[in-house]
């Protein structure tokens, strides 16, 4: 592994504010390397569904976001980008308030796909959700929804 591979990009990504979903949800990255991505989220009314618990989409979004960031940090040095093609998230414990903490790590990083696994815990360290995301690695000349990934749009 080359020096710098474990560089932490969390502060730079938080400051960049380029992901609308992350900003809308209030997700804060606390660590972002090519081998591990961590984040936290303070639960507010915008995160709850009608029963007053955190919406499953929030958990699934956290899982996909952390996996995507880690996979991208691994692919970008080669000029590649990644897109999620499968997200399987299981909801294990309902949570209504407090802070969620999540971590994602790679299970497999192949030439064409990556698979990442993530977990979401409540303030007391109890597992609330777990998920696995499969991502497609795109070549530098790939077009996604009519333009190259990362192009202004």
N, C-alpha and C. Protein backbone atom coordinates (compact mmCIF):
# COMPACT_ATOMS: atom_id res chain seq x y z
N UNK A 1 0.84 -1.17 0.00
CA UNK A 1 0.00 0.00 0.00
C UNK A 1 0.88 1.23 0.00
N UNK A 2 0.64 2.14 -0.90
CA UNK A 2 1.44 3.35 -1.01
C UNK A 2 1.15 4.31 0.12
N UNK A 3 2.16 5.11 0.47
CA UNK A 3 1.96 6.10 1.51
C UNK A 3 0.87 7.07 1.06
N UNK A 4 0.01 7.47 1.97
CA UNK A 4 -1.06 8.38 1.63
C UNK A 4 -2.37 7.69 1.29
N UNK A 5 -2.34 6.34 1.14
CA UNK A 5 -3.57 5.61 0.82
C UNK A 5 -4.61 5.74 1.92
N UNK A 6 -4.15 5.96 3.15
CA UNK A 6 -5.08 6.05 4.26
C UNK A 6 -5.32 7.51 4.68
N UNK A 7 -5.04 8.42 3.76
CA UNK A 7 -5.31 9.82 4.02
C UNK A 7 -6.79 10.01 4.34
N UNK A 8 -7.07 10.82 5.35
CA UNK A 8 -8.44 11.07 5.80
C UNK A 8 -8.99 12.31 5.10
N UNK A 9 -10.03 12.12 4.28
CA UNK A 9 -10.64 13.19 3.51
C UNK A 9 -11.92 13.74 4.14
N UNK A 10 -12.26 13.33 5.36
CA UNK A 10 -13.54 13.72 5.97
C UNK A 10 -13.70 15.24 6.04
N UNK A 11 -12.72 15.94 6.55
CA UNK A 11 -12.86 17.40 6.71
C UNK A 11 -13.04 18.08 5.35
N UNK A 12 -12.27 17.66 4.36
CA UNK A 12 -12.39 18.27 3.03
C UNK A 12 -13.75 17.99 2.41
N UNK A 13 -14.25 16.77 2.56
CA UNK A 13 -15.57 16.43 2.00
C UNK A 13 -16.68 17.17 2.72
N UNK A 14 -16.59 17.29 4.04
CA UNK A 14 -17.59 18.05 4.79
C UNK A 14 -17.60 19.52 4.34
N UNK A 15 -16.41 20.09 4.17
CA UNK A 15 -16.30 21.50 3.79
C UNK A 15 -16.78 21.75 2.36
N UNK A 16 -16.60 20.77 1.48
CA UNK A 16 -16.96 20.94 0.08
C UNK A 16 -18.47 21.07 -0.11
N UNK A 17 -19.24 20.38 0.70
CA UNK A 17 -20.70 20.49 0.62
C UNK A 17 -21.28 20.17 -0.74
N UNK A 18 -20.70 19.20 -1.45
CA UNK A 18 -21.13 18.93 -2.83
C UNK A 18 -22.26 17.92 -2.95
N UNK A 19 -22.57 17.22 -1.87
CA UNK A 19 -23.63 16.20 -1.93
C UNK A 19 -24.89 16.73 -1.28
N UNK A 20 -25.92 16.95 -2.06
CA UNK A 20 -27.17 17.50 -1.55
C UNK A 20 -27.82 16.65 -0.49
N UNK A 21 -27.78 15.31 -0.64
CA UNK A 21 -28.41 14.43 0.33
C UNK A 21 -27.71 14.52 1.68
N UNK A 22 -26.38 14.48 1.67
CA UNK A 22 -25.62 14.57 2.91
C UNK A 22 -25.97 15.87 3.63
N UNK A 23 -26.00 16.97 2.90
CA UNK A 23 -26.32 18.27 3.50
C UNK A 23 -27.74 18.30 4.03
N UNK A 24 -28.69 17.80 3.27
CA UNK A 24 -30.10 17.82 3.69
C UNK A 24 -30.32 16.99 4.95
N UNK A 25 -29.62 15.89 5.08
CA UNK A 25 -29.78 15.01 6.23
C UNK A 25 -28.97 15.46 7.44
N UNK A 26 -27.95 16.28 7.22
CA UNK A 26 -27.09 16.69 8.32
C UNK A 26 -26.06 15.65 8.70
N UNK A 27 -25.72 14.78 7.77
CA UNK A 27 -24.72 13.73 8.01
C UNK A 27 -23.33 14.37 8.04
N UNK A 28 -22.55 14.03 9.06
CA UNK A 28 -21.19 14.55 9.19
C UNK A 28 -20.20 13.41 9.10
N UNK A 29 -19.29 13.52 8.18
CA UNK A 29 -18.22 12.52 8.07
C UNK A 29 -17.22 12.76 9.18
N UNK A 30 -16.83 11.70 9.87
CA UNK A 30 -15.83 11.82 10.92
C UNK A 30 -14.51 11.15 10.52
N UNK A 31 -14.58 10.32 9.49
CA UNK A 31 -13.38 9.67 8.93
C UNK A 31 -13.75 9.23 7.52
N UNK A 32 -12.84 9.47 6.58
CA UNK A 32 -13.10 9.05 5.20
C UNK A 32 -11.77 8.68 4.55
N UNK A 33 -11.46 7.38 4.56
CA UNK A 33 -10.28 6.86 3.89
C UNK A 33 -10.74 5.81 2.88
N UNK A 34 -9.83 5.33 2.09
CA UNK A 34 -10.20 4.31 1.11
C UNK A 34 -10.50 2.96 1.76
N UNK A 35 -10.20 2.82 3.05
CA UNK A 35 -10.44 1.55 3.76
C UNK A 35 -11.52 1.62 4.82
N UNK A 36 -11.97 2.82 5.17
CA UNK A 36 -13.01 2.95 6.19
C UNK A 36 -13.62 4.34 6.13
N UNK A 37 -14.94 4.39 6.21
CA UNK A 37 -15.64 5.67 6.24
C UNK A 37 -16.57 5.65 7.45
N UNK A 38 -16.52 6.72 8.23
CA UNK A 38 -17.36 6.83 9.41
C UNK A 38 -18.11 8.16 9.37
N UNK A 39 -19.31 8.16 9.95
CA UNK A 39 -20.12 9.38 10.00
C UNK A 39 -21.04 9.34 11.19
N UNK A 40 -21.60 10.50 11.50
CA UNK A 40 -22.60 10.59 12.55
C UNK A 40 -23.72 11.52 12.11
N UNK A 41 -24.87 11.31 12.73
CA UNK A 41 -26.06 12.08 12.39
C UNK A 41 -26.88 12.30 13.66
N UNK A 42 -27.19 13.56 13.94
CA UNK A 42 -28.07 13.88 15.06
C UNK A 42 -29.50 13.81 14.55
N UNK A 43 -30.30 12.93 15.15
CA UNK A 43 -31.67 12.69 14.68
C UNK A 43 -32.55 13.89 14.96
N UNK A 44 -33.26 14.32 13.92
CA UNK A 44 -34.21 15.42 14.03
C UNK A 44 -35.53 15.01 13.42
N UNK A 45 -36.52 15.90 13.43
CA UNK A 45 -37.84 15.58 12.90
C UNK A 45 -37.82 15.18 11.43
N UNK A 46 -36.89 15.71 10.66
CA UNK A 46 -36.80 15.39 9.23
C UNK A 46 -36.37 13.95 8.97
N UNK A 47 -35.87 13.26 9.98
CA UNK A 47 -35.41 11.88 9.84
C UNK A 47 -36.46 10.84 10.23
N UNK A 48 -37.57 11.28 10.80
CA UNK A 48 -38.57 10.36 11.35
C UNK A 48 -39.73 10.14 10.40
N UNK A 49 -40.25 8.90 10.42
CA UNK A 49 -41.46 8.59 9.67
C UNK A 49 -42.67 8.77 10.58
N UNK A 50 -43.86 8.41 10.11
CA UNK A 50 -45.11 8.70 10.82
C UNK A 50 -45.20 8.10 12.22
N UNK A 51 -44.51 6.99 12.50
CA UNK A 51 -44.53 6.39 13.83
C UNK A 51 -43.52 7.03 14.78
N UNK A 52 -42.78 8.00 14.29
CA UNK A 52 -41.83 8.71 15.13
C UNK A 52 -40.46 8.08 15.24
N UNK A 53 -40.19 7.05 14.43
CA UNK A 53 -38.87 6.43 14.43
C UNK A 53 -38.12 6.84 13.16
N UNK A 54 -36.80 6.68 13.21
CA UNK A 54 -35.98 7.04 12.04
C UNK A 54 -36.45 6.23 10.84
N UNK A 55 -36.69 6.91 9.74
CA UNK A 55 -37.14 6.30 8.49
C UNK A 55 -36.08 5.34 7.96
N UNK A 56 -36.51 4.20 7.45
CA UNK A 56 -35.58 3.23 6.88
C UNK A 56 -34.75 3.80 5.75
N UNK A 57 -35.31 4.74 5.02
CA UNK A 57 -34.56 5.38 3.94
C UNK A 57 -33.36 6.16 4.44
N UNK A 58 -33.44 6.68 5.66
CA UNK A 58 -32.29 7.37 6.25
C UNK A 58 -31.17 6.36 6.49
N UNK A 59 -31.52 5.22 7.08
CA UNK A 59 -30.50 4.18 7.31
C UNK A 59 -29.90 3.71 5.98
N UNK A 60 -30.75 3.42 5.00
CA UNK A 60 -30.27 2.96 3.70
C UNK A 60 -29.41 4.03 3.03
N UNK A 61 -29.80 5.28 3.18
CA UNK A 61 -29.02 6.37 2.60
C UNK A 61 -27.66 6.52 3.24
N UNK A 62 -27.60 6.35 4.55
CA UNK A 62 -26.31 6.41 5.25
C UNK A 62 -25.41 5.27 4.78
N UNK A 63 -25.96 4.07 4.72
CA UNK A 63 -25.21 2.90 4.27
C UNK A 63 -24.65 3.14 2.87
N UNK A 64 -25.50 3.58 1.95
CA UNK A 64 -25.05 3.79 0.57
C UNK A 64 -24.06 4.93 0.47
N UNK A 65 -24.28 6.00 1.21
CA UNK A 65 -23.38 7.15 1.15
C UNK A 65 -21.98 6.79 1.61
N UNK A 66 -21.87 6.12 2.74
CA UNK A 66 -20.55 5.77 3.25
C UNK A 66 -19.84 4.78 2.34
N UNK A 67 -20.56 3.79 1.83
CA UNK A 67 -19.96 2.83 0.90
C UNK A 67 -19.50 3.54 -0.37
N UNK A 68 -20.31 4.44 -0.88
CA UNK A 68 -19.97 5.15 -2.11
C UNK A 68 -18.74 6.03 -1.94
N UNK A 69 -18.64 6.70 -0.81
CA UNK A 69 -17.48 7.55 -0.56
C UNK A 69 -16.21 6.70 -0.49
N UNK A 70 -16.25 5.62 0.26
CA UNK A 70 -15.07 4.76 0.36
C UNK A 70 -14.67 4.16 -0.97
N UNK A 71 -15.66 3.69 -1.72
CA UNK A 71 -15.38 3.10 -3.03
C UNK A 71 -14.80 4.14 -3.98
N UNK A 72 -15.34 5.36 -3.92
CA UNK A 72 -14.83 6.43 -4.79
C UNK A 72 -13.39 6.79 -4.42
N UNK A 73 -13.09 6.86 -3.14
CA UNK A 73 -11.73 7.19 -2.73
C UNK A 73 -10.74 6.13 -3.22
N UNK A 74 -11.20 4.90 -3.34
CA UNK A 74 -10.35 3.83 -3.86
C UNK A 74 -10.20 3.93 -5.39
N UNK A 75 -11.26 4.31 -6.09
CA UNK A 75 -11.26 4.34 -7.56
C UNK A 75 -10.67 5.61 -8.16
N UNK A 76 -10.82 6.74 -7.47
CA UNK A 76 -10.41 8.03 -8.04
C UNK A 76 -8.93 8.13 -8.41
N UNK A 77 -8.00 7.57 -7.65
CA UNK A 77 -6.60 7.67 -8.05
C UNK A 77 -6.32 7.06 -9.43
N UNK A 78 -7.17 6.16 -9.89
CA UNK A 78 -7.03 5.56 -11.22
C UNK A 78 -7.88 6.28 -12.26
N UNK A 79 -8.47 7.42 -11.88
CA UNK A 79 -9.30 8.18 -12.81
C UNK A 79 -10.70 7.60 -12.98
N UNK A 80 -11.07 6.66 -12.15
CA UNK A 80 -12.37 6.01 -12.24
C UNK A 80 -13.34 6.62 -11.24
N UNK A 81 -14.61 6.35 -11.46
CA UNK A 81 -15.66 6.74 -10.52
C UNK A 81 -16.49 5.51 -10.22
N UNK A 82 -17.43 5.63 -9.29
CA UNK A 82 -18.27 4.49 -8.92
C UNK A 82 -19.73 4.94 -8.80
N UNK A 83 -20.62 3.99 -9.03
CA UNK A 83 -22.05 4.22 -8.80
C UNK A 83 -22.61 2.98 -8.13
N UNK A 84 -23.55 3.19 -7.21
CA UNK A 84 -24.19 2.09 -6.53
C UNK A 84 -25.13 1.35 -7.48
N UNK A 85 -25.09 0.03 -7.43
CA UNK A 85 -26.01 -0.76 -8.26
C UNK A 85 -26.87 -1.70 -7.42
N UNK A 86 -26.56 -1.80 -6.14
CA UNK A 86 -27.39 -2.64 -5.27
C UNK A 86 -27.16 -2.20 -3.83
N UNK A 87 -28.25 -2.06 -3.09
CA UNK A 87 -28.18 -1.69 -1.68
C UNK A 87 -29.16 -2.58 -0.93
N UNK A 88 -28.65 -3.40 -0.04
CA UNK A 88 -29.51 -4.25 0.79
C UNK A 88 -29.27 -3.81 2.23
N UNK A 89 -30.26 -3.14 2.81
CA UNK A 89 -30.15 -2.65 4.17
C UNK A 89 -31.21 -3.31 5.04
N UNK A 90 -30.79 -3.81 6.18
CA UNK A 90 -31.70 -4.43 7.14
C UNK A 90 -31.83 -3.52 8.36
N UNK A 91 -33.07 -3.36 8.82
CA UNK A 91 -33.36 -2.51 9.97
C UNK A 91 -33.54 -3.41 11.18
N UNK A 92 -32.71 -3.24 12.19
CA UNK A 92 -32.65 -4.16 13.31
C UNK A 92 -33.22 -3.59 14.61
N UNK A 93 -33.15 -2.29 14.78
CA UNK A 93 -33.62 -1.66 16.02
C UNK A 93 -34.16 -0.29 15.68
N UNK A 94 -35.38 -0.02 16.13
CA UNK A 94 -35.97 1.29 15.93
C UNK A 94 -35.31 2.30 16.87
N UNK A 95 -35.13 3.50 16.39
CA UNK A 95 -34.53 4.57 17.19
C UNK A 95 -35.31 5.85 16.92
N UNK A 96 -35.54 6.64 17.96
CA UNK A 96 -36.34 7.85 17.84
C UNK A 96 -35.54 9.14 17.98
N UNK A 97 -34.47 9.09 18.74
CA UNK A 97 -33.74 10.33 19.02
C UNK A 97 -32.28 9.99 19.30
N UNK A 98 -31.49 11.04 19.45
CA UNK A 98 -30.07 10.86 19.77
C UNK A 98 -29.19 10.98 18.54
N UNK A 99 -28.06 10.35 18.62
CA UNK A 99 -27.06 10.41 17.56
C UNK A 99 -26.82 9.02 17.00
N UNK A 100 -26.82 8.92 15.68
CA UNK A 100 -26.45 7.68 15.00
C UNK A 100 -24.99 7.76 14.60
N UNK A 101 -24.30 6.64 14.71
CA UNK A 101 -22.91 6.54 14.25
C UNK A 101 -22.83 5.37 13.28
N UNK A 102 -22.16 5.59 12.18
CA UNK A 102 -22.10 4.56 11.14
C UNK A 102 -20.67 4.38 10.66
N UNK A 103 -20.38 3.14 10.23
CA UNK A 103 -19.06 2.79 9.70
C UNK A 103 -19.24 1.89 8.49
N UNK A 104 -18.45 2.11 7.46
CA UNK A 104 -18.45 1.25 6.26
C UNK A 104 -17.02 0.81 5.97
N UNK A 105 -16.91 -0.47 5.55
CA UNK A 105 -15.60 -1.03 5.18
C UNK A 105 -15.78 -1.91 3.95
N UNK A 106 -14.73 -2.03 3.13
CA UNK A 106 -14.84 -2.87 1.93
C UNK A 106 -14.81 -4.35 2.26
N UNK A 107 -15.61 -5.11 1.54
CA UNK A 107 -15.55 -6.58 1.60
C UNK A 107 -14.77 -7.11 0.41
N UNK A 108 -14.94 -6.44 -0.75
CA UNK A 108 -14.26 -6.87 -1.97
C UNK A 108 -14.11 -5.67 -2.89
N UNK A 109 -12.91 -5.50 -3.45
CA UNK A 109 -12.67 -4.42 -4.40
C UNK A 109 -12.05 -5.01 -5.64
N UNK A 110 -12.91 -5.33 -6.58
CA UNK A 110 -12.46 -5.88 -7.85
C UNK A 110 -12.23 -4.80 -8.88
N UNK A 111 -11.86 -5.22 -10.06
CA UNK A 111 -11.60 -4.27 -11.15
C UNK A 111 -12.88 -3.62 -11.64
N UNK A 112 -14.00 -4.34 -11.65
CA UNK A 112 -15.27 -3.83 -12.19
C UNK A 112 -16.31 -3.49 -11.13
N UNK A 113 -16.22 -4.14 -9.97
CA UNK A 113 -17.18 -3.85 -8.90
C UNK A 113 -16.48 -3.82 -7.54
N UNK A 114 -17.14 -3.17 -6.60
CA UNK A 114 -16.72 -3.18 -5.21
C UNK A 114 -17.94 -3.55 -4.37
N UNK A 115 -17.69 -4.21 -3.25
CA UNK A 115 -18.75 -4.52 -2.30
C UNK A 115 -18.31 -3.99 -0.95
N UNK A 116 -19.18 -3.18 -0.35
CA UNK A 116 -18.91 -2.58 0.96
C UNK A 116 -20.00 -2.98 1.94
N UNK A 117 -19.63 -3.08 3.21
CA UNK A 117 -20.58 -3.40 4.27
C UNK A 117 -20.56 -2.26 5.28
N UNK A 118 -21.74 -1.91 5.79
CA UNK A 118 -21.84 -0.81 6.74
C UNK A 118 -22.74 -1.19 7.90
N UNK A 119 -22.52 -0.51 9.02
CA UNK A 119 -23.38 -0.70 10.19
C UNK A 119 -23.71 0.67 10.77
N UNK A 120 -24.91 0.76 11.34
CA UNK A 120 -25.38 2.00 11.97
C UNK A 120 -25.73 1.66 13.41
N UNK A 121 -25.18 2.42 14.35
CA UNK A 121 -25.39 2.19 15.78
C UNK A 121 -26.02 3.42 16.43
N UNK A 122 -26.76 3.19 17.51
CA UNK A 122 -27.31 4.31 18.27
C UNK A 122 -26.27 4.81 19.26
N UNK A 123 -26.65 5.80 20.07
CA UNK A 123 -25.72 6.41 21.04
C UNK A 123 -25.18 5.41 22.05
N UNK A 124 -25.96 4.39 22.33
CA UNK A 124 -25.55 3.39 23.31
C UNK A 124 -24.76 2.24 22.69
N UNK A 125 -24.45 2.38 21.40
CA UNK A 125 -23.66 1.37 20.72
C UNK A 125 -24.44 0.18 20.21
N UNK A 126 -25.77 0.25 20.28
CA UNK A 126 -26.60 -0.86 19.81
C UNK A 126 -26.75 -0.80 18.30
N UNK A 127 -26.67 -1.94 17.66
CA UNK A 127 -26.79 -2.03 16.20
C UNK A 127 -28.23 -1.75 15.79
N UNK A 128 -28.42 -0.75 14.94
CA UNK A 128 -29.76 -0.35 14.47
C UNK A 128 -30.02 -0.81 13.04
N UNK A 129 -28.98 -0.80 12.21
CA UNK A 129 -29.14 -1.20 10.81
C UNK A 129 -27.79 -1.69 10.30
N UNK A 130 -27.86 -2.57 9.33
CA UNK A 130 -26.66 -3.04 8.66
C UNK A 130 -26.98 -3.17 7.18
N UNK A 131 -25.97 -2.97 6.35
CA UNK A 131 -26.24 -3.05 4.93
C UNK A 131 -25.01 -3.40 4.12
N UNK A 132 -25.29 -3.82 2.92
CA UNK A 132 -24.24 -4.18 1.97
C UNK A 132 -24.57 -3.49 0.65
N UNK A 133 -23.56 -2.83 0.08
CA UNK A 133 -23.73 -2.07 -1.17
C UNK A 133 -22.76 -2.60 -2.21
N UNK A 134 -23.28 -2.88 -3.39
CA UNK A 134 -22.44 -3.26 -4.53
C UNK A 134 -22.36 -2.06 -5.45
N UNK A 135 -21.15 -1.73 -5.87
CA UNK A 135 -20.91 -0.55 -6.69
C UNK A 135 -20.20 -0.95 -7.98
N UNK A 136 -20.60 -0.31 -9.05
CA UNK A 136 -19.96 -0.50 -10.35
C UNK A 136 -18.84 0.51 -10.50
N UNK A 137 -17.67 0.05 -10.91
CA UNK A 137 -16.54 0.93 -11.16
C UNK A 137 -16.60 1.39 -12.60
N UNK A 138 -16.69 2.70 -12.80
CA UNK A 138 -16.81 3.28 -14.14
C UNK A 138 -15.46 3.73 -14.66
N UNK A 139 -15.22 3.49 -15.94
CA UNK A 139 -14.00 3.94 -16.59
C UNK A 139 -14.04 5.46 -16.75
N UNK A 140 -12.88 6.10 -16.95
CA UNK A 140 -12.84 7.55 -17.05
C UNK A 140 -13.73 8.16 -18.14
N UNK A 141 -13.98 7.42 -19.21
CA UNK A 141 -14.80 7.97 -20.30
C UNK A 141 -16.28 7.60 -20.19
N UNK A 142 -16.71 7.04 -19.08
CA UNK A 142 -18.10 6.61 -18.90
C UNK A 142 -19.05 7.81 -18.88
N UNK A 143 -20.27 7.56 -19.34
CA UNK A 143 -21.33 8.57 -19.31
C UNK A 143 -22.44 8.03 -18.42
N UNK A 144 -22.91 8.88 -17.52
CA UNK A 144 -23.96 8.51 -16.58
C UNK A 144 -25.07 9.55 -16.67
N UNK A 145 -26.27 9.11 -17.03
CA UNK A 145 -27.41 10.02 -17.17
C UNK A 145 -27.08 11.20 -18.09
N UNK A 146 -26.40 10.91 -19.19
CA UNK A 146 -26.14 11.92 -20.20
C UNK A 146 -24.88 12.74 -20.05
N UNK A 147 -24.14 12.55 -18.97
CA UNK A 147 -22.88 13.27 -18.84
C UNK A 147 -21.87 12.46 -18.04
N UNK A 148 -20.64 12.90 -18.09
CA UNK A 148 -19.59 12.20 -17.36
C UNK A 148 -19.75 12.45 -15.86
N UNK A 149 -19.54 11.42 -15.03
CA UNK A 149 -19.63 11.62 -13.58
C UNK A 149 -18.68 12.73 -13.13
N UNK A 150 -19.16 13.56 -12.23
CA UNK A 150 -18.33 14.65 -11.72
C UNK A 150 -18.40 15.90 -12.56
N UNK A 151 -19.00 15.82 -13.76
CA UNK A 151 -19.11 17.00 -14.60
C UNK A 151 -20.17 17.94 -14.02
N UNK A 152 -19.95 19.24 -14.12
CA UNK A 152 -20.95 20.17 -13.61
C UNK A 152 -22.27 19.94 -14.32
N UNK A 153 -23.35 20.03 -13.57
CA UNK A 153 -24.60 19.77 -14.23
C UNK A 153 -25.71 20.45 -13.60
